[in-house]
C-alpha atoms as a PDB file:
ATOM      1  CA  UNK A   1      48.862  41.041 127.049  1.00  0.00           C
ATOM      2  CA  UNK A   2      47.835  44.254 128.779  1.00  0.00           C
ATOM      3  CA  UNK A   3      50.324  46.903 129.849  1.00  0.00           C
ATOM      4  CA  UNK A   4      49.896  45.940 133.537  1.00  0.00           C
ATOM      5  CA  UNK A   5      50.462  42.229 132.726  1.00  0.00           C
ATOM      6  CA  UNK A   6      53.516  43.169 130.770  1.00  0.00           C
ATOM      7  CA  UNK A   7      55.048  45.296 133.553  1.00  0.00           C
ATOM      8  CA  UNK A   8      54.271  42.487 136.055  1.00  0.00           C
ATOM      9  CA  UNK A   9      56.120  40.000 133.853  1.00  0.00           C
ATOM     10  CA  UNK A  10      59.076  42.413 133.444  1.00  0.00           C
ATOM     11  CA  UNK A  11      59.372  42.867 137.187  1.00  0.00           C
ATOM     12  CA  UNK A  12      59.007  39.132 137.831  1.00  0.00           C
ATOM     13  CA  UNK A  13      61.717  38.384 135.299  1.00  0.00           C
ATOM     14  CA  UNK A  14      64.078  40.922 136.732  1.00  0.00           C
ATOM     15  CA  UNK A  15      63.428  39.463 140.209  1.00  0.00           C
ATOM     16  CA  UNK A  16      64.488  36.096 138.807  1.00  0.00           C
ATOM     17  CA  UNK A  17      67.656  37.221 136.871  1.00  0.00           C
ATOM     18  CA  UNK A  18      68.350  40.469 138.796  1.00  0.00           C
ATOM     19  CA  UNK A  19      69.280  42.477 135.704  1.00  0.00           C
ATOM     20  CA  UNK A  20      68.798  42.270 131.938  1.00  0.00           C
ATOM     21  CA  UNK A  21      69.271  44.186 128.686  1.00  0.00           C
ATOM     22  CA  UNK A  22      66.444  45.966 126.953  1.00  0.00           C
ATOM     23  CA  UNK A  23      66.620  43.429 124.080  1.00  0.00           C
ATOM     24  CA  UNK A  24      66.392  40.526 126.558  1.00  0.00           C
ATOM     25  CA  UNK A  25      63.430  42.040 128.328  1.00  0.00           C
ATOM     26  CA  UNK A  26      61.656  42.855 125.044  1.00  0.00           C
ATOM     27  CA  UNK A  27      62.094  39.207 123.912  1.00  0.00           C
ATOM     28  CA  UNK A  28      60.794  37.891 127.218  1.00  0.00           C
ATOM     29  CA  UNK A  29      57.499  39.823 126.987  1.00  0.00           C
ATOM     30  CA  UNK A  30      57.130  39.767 123.160  1.00  0.00           C
ATOM     31  CA  UNK A  31      57.113  43.485 122.762  1.00  0.00           C
ATOM     32  CA  UNK A  32      59.214  46.164 121.074  1.00  0.00           C
ATOM     33  CA  UNK A  33      62.244  47.713 122.835  1.00  0.00           C
ATOM     34  CA  UNK A  34      60.509  51.098 122.816  1.00  0.00           C
ATOM     35  CA  UNK A  35      57.449  49.634 124.561  1.00  0.00           C
ATOM     36  CA  UNK A  36      59.600  48.000 127.226  1.00  0.00           C
ATOM     37  CA  UNK A  37      61.594  51.163 127.650  1.00  0.00           C
ATOM     38  CA  UNK A  38      58.337  53.034 128.466  1.00  0.00           C
ATOM     39  CA  UNK A  39      57.299  50.249 130.911  1.00  0.00           C
ATOM     40  CA  UNK A  40      60.611  50.458 132.657  1.00  0.00           C
ATOM     41  CA  UNK A  41      60.277  54.215 133.053  1.00  0.00           C
ATOM     42  CA  UNK A  42      56.929  53.614 134.924  1.00  0.00           C
ATOM     43  CA  UNK A  43      58.376  50.801 137.023  1.00  0.00           C
ATOM     44  CA  UNK A  44      61.423  52.993 137.931  1.00  0.00           C
ATOM     45  CA  UNK A  45      59.220  55.820 138.934  1.00  0.00           C
ATOM     46  CA  UNK A  46      57.392  53.414 141.296  1.00  0.00           C
ATOM     47  CA  UNK A  47      60.726  52.522 142.908  1.00  0.00           C
ATOM     48  CA  UNK A  48      60.628  48.869 141.775  1.00  0.00           C
ATOM     49  CA  UNK A  49      63.714  48.869 139.558  1.00  0.00           C
ATOM     50  CA  UNK A  50      66.608  50.969 138.384  1.00  0.00           C
ATOM     51  CA  UNK A  51      67.315  51.783 134.767  1.00  0.00           C
ATOM     52  CA  UNK A  52      70.888  51.255 133.568  1.00  0.00           C
ATOM     53  CA  UNK A  53      72.632  51.978 130.302  1.00  0.00           C
ATOM     54  CA  UNK A  54      71.026  49.458 127.945  1.00  0.00           C
ATOM     55  CA  UNK A  55      68.930  47.657 130.423  1.00  0.00           C
ATOM     56  CA  UNK A  56      67.532  47.537 133.997  1.00  0.00           C
ATOM     57  CA  UNK A  57      68.127  45.922 137.332  1.00  0.00           C
ATOM     58  CA  UNK A  58      65.836  45.013 140.278  1.00  0.00           C
ATOM     59  CA  UNK A  59      66.203  47.328 143.335  1.00  0.00           C
ATOM     60  CA  UNK A  60      65.467  44.814 146.055  1.00  0.00           C
ATOM     61  CA  UNK A  61      66.377  41.332 144.977  1.00  0.00           C
ATOM     62  CA  UNK A  62      64.851  38.528 147.047  1.00  0.00           C
ATOM     63  CA  UNK A  63      68.129  36.617 147.735  1.00  0.00           C
ATOM     64  CA  UNK A  64      71.898  36.966 147.655  1.00  0.00           C
ATOM     65  CA  UNK A  65      72.238  34.221 145.087  1.00  0.00           C
ATOM     66  CA  UNK A  66      74.034  36.492 142.644  1.00  0.00           C
ATOM     67  CA  UNK A  67      76.065  38.603 145.109  1.00  0.00           C
ATOM     68  CA  UNK A  68      79.812  38.138 144.564  1.00  0.00           C
ATOM     69  CA  UNK A  69      80.725  37.988 148.251  1.00  0.00           C
ATOM     70  CA  UNK A  70      77.971  35.323 148.937  1.00  0.00           C
ATOM     71  CA  UNK A  71      78.762  33.242 145.933  1.00  0.00           C
ATOM     72  CA  UNK A  72      82.496  33.197 146.766  1.00  0.00           C
ATOM     73  CA  UNK A  73      81.784  31.289 149.917  1.00  0.00           C
ATOM     74  CA  UNK A  74      80.218  28.414 148.006  1.00  0.00           C
ATOM     75  CA  UNK A  75      82.413  25.422 147.119  1.00  0.00           C
ATOM     76  CA  UNK A  76      85.516  27.398 148.294  1.00  0.00           C
ATOM     77  CA  UNK A  77      87.939  24.529 148.349  1.00  0.00           C
ATOM     78  CA  UNK A  78      86.918  23.376 144.884  1.00  0.00           C
ATOM     79  CA  UNK A  79      87.304  26.939 143.492  1.00  0.00           C
ATOM     80  CA  UNK A  80      90.731  27.301 145.035  1.00  0.00           C
ATOM     81  CA  UNK A  81      91.890  24.006 143.529  1.00  0.00           C
ATOM     82  CA  UNK A  82      90.482  24.917 140.118  1.00  0.00           C
ATOM     83  CA  UNK A  83      92.163  28.311 140.354  1.00  0.00           C
ATOM     84  CA  UNK A  84      95.566  26.833 140.965  1.00  0.00           C
ATOM     85  CA  UNK A  85      95.169  24.231 138.221  1.00  0.00           C
ATOM     86  CA  UNK A  86      94.030  26.796 135.649  1.00  0.00           C
ATOM     87  CA  UNK A  87      96.798  29.187 136.507  1.00  0.00           C
ATOM     88  CA  UNK A  88      99.304  26.460 135.665  1.00  0.00           C
ATOM     89  CA  UNK A  89      98.026  26.507 132.095  1.00  0.00           C
ATOM     90  CA  UNK A  90      98.974  30.147 131.642  1.00  0.00           C
ATOM     91  CA  UNK A  91     102.525  30.934 130.502  1.00  0.00           C
ATOM     92  CA  UNK A  92     104.524  33.948 131.712  1.00  0.00           C
ATOM     93  CA  UNK A  93     103.723  37.272 129.946  1.00  0.00           C
ATOM     94  CA  UNK A  94     100.536  36.035 128.261  1.00  0.00           C
ATOM     95  CA  UNK A  95      97.496  38.322 127.804  1.00  0.00           C
ATOM     96  CA  UNK A  96      94.611  36.940 129.728  1.00  0.00           C
ATOM     97  CA  UNK A  97      90.872  37.899 129.721  1.00  0.00           C
ATOM     98  CA  UNK A  98      89.217  37.072 133.015  1.00  0.00           C
ATOM     99  CA  UNK A  99      85.504  37.297 133.424  1.00  0.00           C
ATOM    100  CA  UNK A 100      83.629  38.255 136.592  1.00  0.00           C
ATOM    101  CA  UNK A 101      82.933  34.784 138.054  1.00  0.00           C
ATOM    102  CA  UNK A 102      83.974  33.872 141.581  1.00  0.00           C
ATOM    103  CA  UNK A 103      85.893  30.781 140.318  1.00  0.00           C
ATOM    104  CA  UNK A 104      87.834  32.866 137.825  1.00  0.00           C
ATOM    105  CA  UNK A 105      88.737  35.243 140.669  1.00  0.00           C
ATOM    106  CA  UNK A 106      90.592  32.304 142.213  1.00  0.00           C
ATOM    107  CA  UNK A 107      92.547  31.877 138.940  1.00  0.00           C
ATOM    108  CA  UNK A 108      93.533  35.562 139.073  1.00  0.00           C
ATOM    109  CA  UNK A 109      94.857  35.055 142.596  1.00  0.00           C
ATOM    110  CA  UNK A 110      97.639  32.804 141.295  1.00  0.00           C
ATOM    111  CA  UNK A 111      98.797  34.777 138.293  1.00  0.00           C
ATOM    112  CA  UNK A 112     101.002  37.537 139.665  1.00  0.00           C
ATOM    113  CA  UNK A 113     104.229  35.585 139.319  1.00  0.00           C
ATOM    114  CA  UNK A 114     103.584  35.077 135.624  1.00  0.00           C
ATOM    115  CA  UNK A 115     103.575  38.895 134.973  1.00  0.00           C
ATOM    116  CA  UNK A 116     100.491  38.722 132.734  1.00  0.00           C
ATOM    117  CA  UNK A 117      98.510  41.395 131.006  1.00  0.00           C
ATOM    118  CA  UNK A 118      94.983  41.016 132.431  1.00  0.00           C
ATOM    119  CA  UNK A 119      91.879  42.402 130.830  1.00  0.00           C
ATOM    120  CA  UNK A 120      88.710  42.133 132.927  1.00  0.00           C
ATOM    121  CA  UNK A 121      85.252  43.451 133.838  1.00  0.00           C
ATOM    122  CA  UNK A 122      85.551  42.133 137.357  1.00  0.00           C
ATOM    123  CA  UNK A 123      85.911  44.712 140.117  1.00  0.00           C
ATOM    124  CA  UNK A 124      87.387  42.151 142.627  1.00  0.00           C
ATOM    125  CA  UNK A 125      90.044  41.179 140.145  1.00  0.00           C
ATOM    126  CA  UNK A 126      90.803  44.887 139.476  1.00  0.00           C
ATOM    127  CA  UNK A 127      91.025  45.527 143.199  1.00  0.00           C
ATOM    128  CA  UNK A 128      93.299  42.489 143.674  1.00  0.00           C
ATOM    129  CA  UNK A 129      95.905  43.835 141.292  1.00  0.00           C
ATOM    130  CA  UNK A 130      95.259  47.595 141.572  1.00  0.00           C
ATOM    131  CA  UNK A 131      98.730  48.087 143.188  1.00  0.00           C
ATOM    132  CA  UNK A 132     100.638  45.073 141.742  1.00  0.00           C
ATOM    133  CA  UNK A 133     103.775  46.065 139.935  1.00  0.00           C
ATOM    134  CA  UNK A 134     104.181  42.790 138.005  1.00  0.00           C
ATOM    135  CA  UNK A 135     100.688  42.749 136.487  1.00  0.00           C
ATOM    136  CA  UNK A 136      99.457  45.081 133.725  1.00  0.00           C
ATOM    137  CA  UNK A 137      95.697  45.350 134.270  1.00  0.00           C
ATOM    138  CA  UNK A 138      93.113  46.746 131.859  1.00  0.00           C
ATOM    139  CA  UNK A 139      89.603  47.341 133.339  1.00  0.00           C
ATOM    140  CA  UNK A 140      86.728  47.562 130.913  1.00  0.00           C
ATOM    141  CA  UNK A 141      84.292  50.449 130.985  1.00  0.00           C
ATOM    142  CA  UNK A 142      80.639  50.012 131.622  1.00  0.00           C
ATOM    143  CA  UNK A 143      78.008  50.345 134.304  1.00  0.00           C
ATOM    144  CA  UNK A 144      79.144  49.292 137.777  1.00  0.00           C
ATOM    145  CA  UNK A 145      76.937  46.672 139.286  1.00  0.00           C
ATOM    146  CA  UNK A 146      78.160  46.443 142.953  1.00  0.00           C
ATOM    147  CA  UNK A 147      76.388  43.342 144.115  1.00  0.00           C
ATOM    148  CA  UNK A 148      77.971  41.247 141.412  1.00  0.00           C
ATOM    149  CA  UNK A 149      81.303  43.151 141.416  1.00  0.00           C
ATOM    150  CA  UNK A 150      81.048  43.534 137.652  1.00  0.00           C
ATOM    151  CA  UNK A 151      81.018  46.144 134.871  1.00  0.00           C
ATOM    152  CA  UNK A 152      78.128  45.525 132.353  1.00  0.00           C
ATOM    153  CA  UNK A 153      76.450  47.094 129.395  1.00  0.00           C
ATOM    154  CA  UNK A 154      77.434  48.141 125.895  1.00  0.00           C
ATOM    155  CA  UNK A 155      80.615  49.954 126.862  1.00  0.00           C
ATOM    156  CA  UNK A 156      81.962  46.864 128.626  1.00  0.00           C
ATOM    157  CA  UNK A 157      81.118  44.768 125.525  1.00  0.00           C
ATOM    158  CA  UNK A 158      82.775  47.179 123.214  1.00  0.00           C
ATOM    159  CA  UNK A 159      86.172  46.901 125.007  1.00  0.00           C
ATOM    160  CA  UNK A 160      86.341  43.217 124.195  1.00  0.00           C
ATOM    161  CA  UNK A 161      85.514  43.789 120.553  1.00  0.00           C
ATOM    162  CA  UNK A 162      88.722  45.832 120.141  1.00  0.00           C
ATOM    163  CA  UNK A 163      91.326  43.620 121.687  1.00  0.00           C
ATOM    164  CA  UNK A 164      93.024  40.251 121.192  1.00  0.00           C
ATOM    165  CA  UNK A 165      94.199  38.047 124.053  1.00  0.00           C
ATOM    166  CA  UNK A 166      96.063  34.720 124.338  1.00  0.00           C
ATOM    167  CA  UNK A 167      93.549  33.141 126.714  1.00  0.00           C
ATOM    168  CA  UNK A 168      90.036  33.863 128.068  1.00  0.00           C
ATOM    169  CA  UNK A 169      89.319  32.424 131.464  1.00  0.00           C
ATOM    170  CA  UNK A 170      85.533  32.041 131.835  1.00  0.00           C
ATOM    171  CA  UNK A 171      82.876  30.874 134.132  1.00  0.00           C
ATOM    172  CA  UNK A 172      79.250  29.710 133.575  1.00  0.00           C
ATOM    173  CA  UNK A 173      76.142  28.741 135.509  1.00  0.00           C
ATOM    174  CA  UNK A 174      75.927  25.263 134.086  1.00  0.00           C
ATOM    175  CA  UNK A 175      77.142  22.769 131.491  1.00  0.00           C
ATOM    176  CA  UNK A 176      75.420  19.876 129.708  1.00  0.00           C
ATOM    177  CA  UNK A 177      76.154  18.142 126.417  1.00  0.00           C
ATOM    178  CA  UNK A 178      73.980  20.764 124.777  1.00  0.00           C
ATOM    179  CA  UNK A 179      76.362  23.515 125.849  1.00  0.00           C
ATOM    180  CA  UNK A 180      76.920  26.166 128.465  1.00  0.00           C
ATOM    181  CA  UNK A 181      74.379  28.434 130.121  1.00  0.00           C
ATOM    182  CA  UNK A 182      74.498  31.452 132.496  1.00  0.00           C
ATOM    183  CA  UNK A 183      72.253  33.482 134.659  1.00  0.00           C
ATOM    184  CA  UNK A 184      72.260  36.930 133.045  1.00  0.00           C
ATOM    185  CA  UNK A 185      71.761  38.251 129.496  1.00  0.00           C
ATOM    186  CA  UNK A 186      74.113  41.161 130.068  1.00  0.00           C
ATOM    187  CA  UNK A 187      76.851  38.900 131.318  1.00  0.00           C
ATOM    188  CA  UNK A 188      76.387  36.645 128.258  1.00  0.00           C
ATOM    189  CA  UNK A 189      76.832  39.555 125.803  1.00  0.00           C
ATOM    190  CA  UNK A 190      80.206  40.337 127.478  1.00  0.00           C
ATOM    191  CA  UNK A 191      81.285  36.691 127.637  1.00  0.00           C
ATOM    192  CA  UNK A 192      80.638  36.157 123.959  1.00  0.00           C
ATOM    193  CA  UNK A 193      82.804  39.197 123.167  1.00  0.00           C
ATOM    194  CA  UNK A 194      85.486  37.900 125.456  1.00  0.00           C
ATOM    195  CA  UNK A 195      85.488  34.474 123.805  1.00  0.00           C
ATOM    196  CA  UNK A 196      85.743  35.982 120.265  1.00  0.00           C
ATOM    197  CA  UNK A 197      88.692  38.068 121.439  1.00  0.00           C
ATOM    198  CA  UNK A 198      90.748  35.110 122.668  1.00  0.00           C
ATOM    199  CA  UNK A 199      92.882  32.509 120.918  1.00  0.00           C
ATOM    200  CA  UNK A 200      92.051  29.937 123.608  1.00  0.00           C
ATOM    201  CA  UNK A 201      88.915  29.649 125.819  1.00  0.00           C
ATOM    202  CA  UNK A 202      89.145  27.976 129.153  1.00  0.00           C
ATOM    203  CA  UNK A 203      86.041  27.425 131.411  1.00  0.00           C
ATOM    204  CA  UNK A 204      86.491  26.948 135.150  1.00  0.00           C
ATOM    205  CA  UNK A 205      83.527  25.059 136.543  1.00  0.00           C
ATOM    206  CA  UNK A 206      83.108  23.317 139.832  1.00  0.00           C
ATOM    207  CA  UNK A 207      81.271  20.084 140.085  1.00  0.00           C
ATOM    208  CA  UNK A 208      77.945  21.759 140.944  1.00  0.00           C
ATOM    209  CA  UNK A 209      77.797  23.192 137.480  1.00  0.00           C
ATOM    210  CA  UNK A 210      77.908  19.800 135.675  1.00  0.00           C
ATOM    211  CA  UNK A 211      74.510  18.655 134.413  1.00  0.00           C
ATOM    212  CA  UNK A 212      72.941  21.947 135.341  1.00  0.00           C
ATOM    213  CA  UNK A 213      71.125  24.385 133.070  1.00  0.00           C
ATOM    214  CA  UNK A 214      70.962  27.998 134.015  1.00  0.00           C
ATOM    215  CA  UNK A 215      68.529  30.736 132.786  1.00  0.00           C
ATOM    216  CA  UNK A 216      70.056  31.732 129.400  1.00  0.00           C
ATOM    217  CA  UNK A 217      72.128  29.838 126.738  1.00  0.00           C
ATOM    218  CA  UNK A 218      75.750  30.971 126.489  1.00  0.00           C
ATOM    219  CA  UNK A 219      77.375  28.831 123.814  1.00  0.00           C
ATOM    220  CA  UNK A 220      77.677  25.354 122.494  1.00  0.00           C
ATOM    221  CA  UNK A 221      80.651  23.053 123.314  1.00  0.00           C
ATOM    222  CA  UNK A 222      82.423  23.781 120.021  1.00  0.00           C
ATOM    223  CA  UNK A 223      83.356  27.251 121.286  1.00  0.00           C
ATOM    224  CA  UNK A 224      85.552  26.070 124.172  1.00  0.00           C
ATOM    225  CA  UNK A 225      88.954  24.400 124.221  1.00  0.00           C
ATOM    226  CA  UNK A 226      89.516  23.441 127.854  1.00  0.00           C
ATOM    227  CA  UNK A 227      87.489  22.856 131.070  1.00  0.00           C
ATOM    228  CA  UNK A 228      89.089  22.856 134.483  1.00  0.00           C
ATOM    229  CA  UNK A 229      87.016  21.283 137.271  1.00  0.00           C
ATOM    230  CA  UNK A 230      87.392  19.624 140.643  1.00  0.00           C
ATOM    231  CA  UNK A 231      87.595  15.971 141.520  1.00  0.00           C
ATOM    232  CA  UNK A 232      83.905  15.716 142.532  1.00  0.00           C
ATOM    233  CA  UNK A 233      82.710  16.385 138.932  1.00  0.00           C
ATOM    234  CA  UNK A 234      80.845  13.417 137.372  1.00  0.00           C
ATOM    235  CA  UNK A 235      83.228  11.196 135.447  1.00  0.00           C
ATOM    236  CA  UNK A 236      80.568  10.077 132.970  1.00  0.00           C
ATOM    237  CA  UNK A 237      80.015  13.617 131.730  1.00  0.00           C
ATOM    238  CA  UNK A 238      83.730  14.375 131.778  1.00  0.00           C
ATOM    239  CA  UNK A 239      84.243  11.382 129.547  1.00  0.00           C
ATOM    240  CA  UNK A 240      81.530  12.448 127.131  1.00  0.00           C
ATOM    241  CA  UNK A 241      83.092  15.914 126.925  1.00  0.00           C
ATOM    242  CA  UNK A 242      86.465  14.426 126.156  1.00  0.00           C
ATOM    243  CA  UNK A 243      84.939  12.405 123.377  1.00  0.00           C
ATOM    244  CA  UNK A 244      83.859  15.662 121.835  1.00  0.00           C
ATOM    245  CA  UNK A 245      87.429  16.838 121.722  1.00  0.00           C
ATOM    246  CA  UNK A 246      87.362  19.084 124.800  1.00  0.00           C
ATOM    247  CA  UNK A 247      90.322  18.914 127.108  1.00  0.00           C
ATOM    248  CA  UNK A 248      89.109  18.430 130.645  1.00  0.00           C
ATOM    249  CA  UNK A 249      91.527  18.966 133.528  1.00  0.00           C
ATOM    250  CA  UNK A 250      90.462  17.676 136.951  1.00  0.00           C
ATOM    251  CA  UNK A 251      92.110  19.585 139.819  1.00  0.00           C
ATOM    252  CA  UNK A 252      93.294  17.466 142.796  1.00  0.00           C
END
């Protein structure tokens, strides 16, 4: 592969996933991290992408598929039902990790009365409780990615390697019997650290995520305890997940 072909593949991949870590990009093109770092420097100078701490992001994405505000308008009734149902699983004063998904944001909306300690990399969740007296909120460090409303990168990952929480409330791009997938390598790094930090892992997935595979593997089914979904989720797959020992709660 020539240098030009490699840079074209890097740019095309970033256009697909919007941002990625250096390691993910190097794996995608089969080159070393140092080579990819040099390629990214050239592409940044041309104005095609922006380097971030530990990775890169595309400057002009082709769609709003990954934008938080746009995604939060999709399946809104389902997300709200899931949010209420998941919030009922959380006891007063528990410590709760909340990832940066739009469905998990709807969980956060229903937690104030429980006086939780919330640890998150989600800017919308942080904004929601920035002035709330009953919620203790810890916001991770990291690089701000405004379109996604999220903090990413090694600093964000590091925060979750140094804490312990009662529950992690997570989202994903898709679920099959092979496991869970998501759209971004940088999000996956943080999510894995979140899951390791929690005693119980809950995934909030609307019906559109069932039977769907997203870009990157996140984890296998053995890593999760509970799934909360809506009443349009396929009952056959729900039954298969329950056979595997996963608690599946269907919100009304």
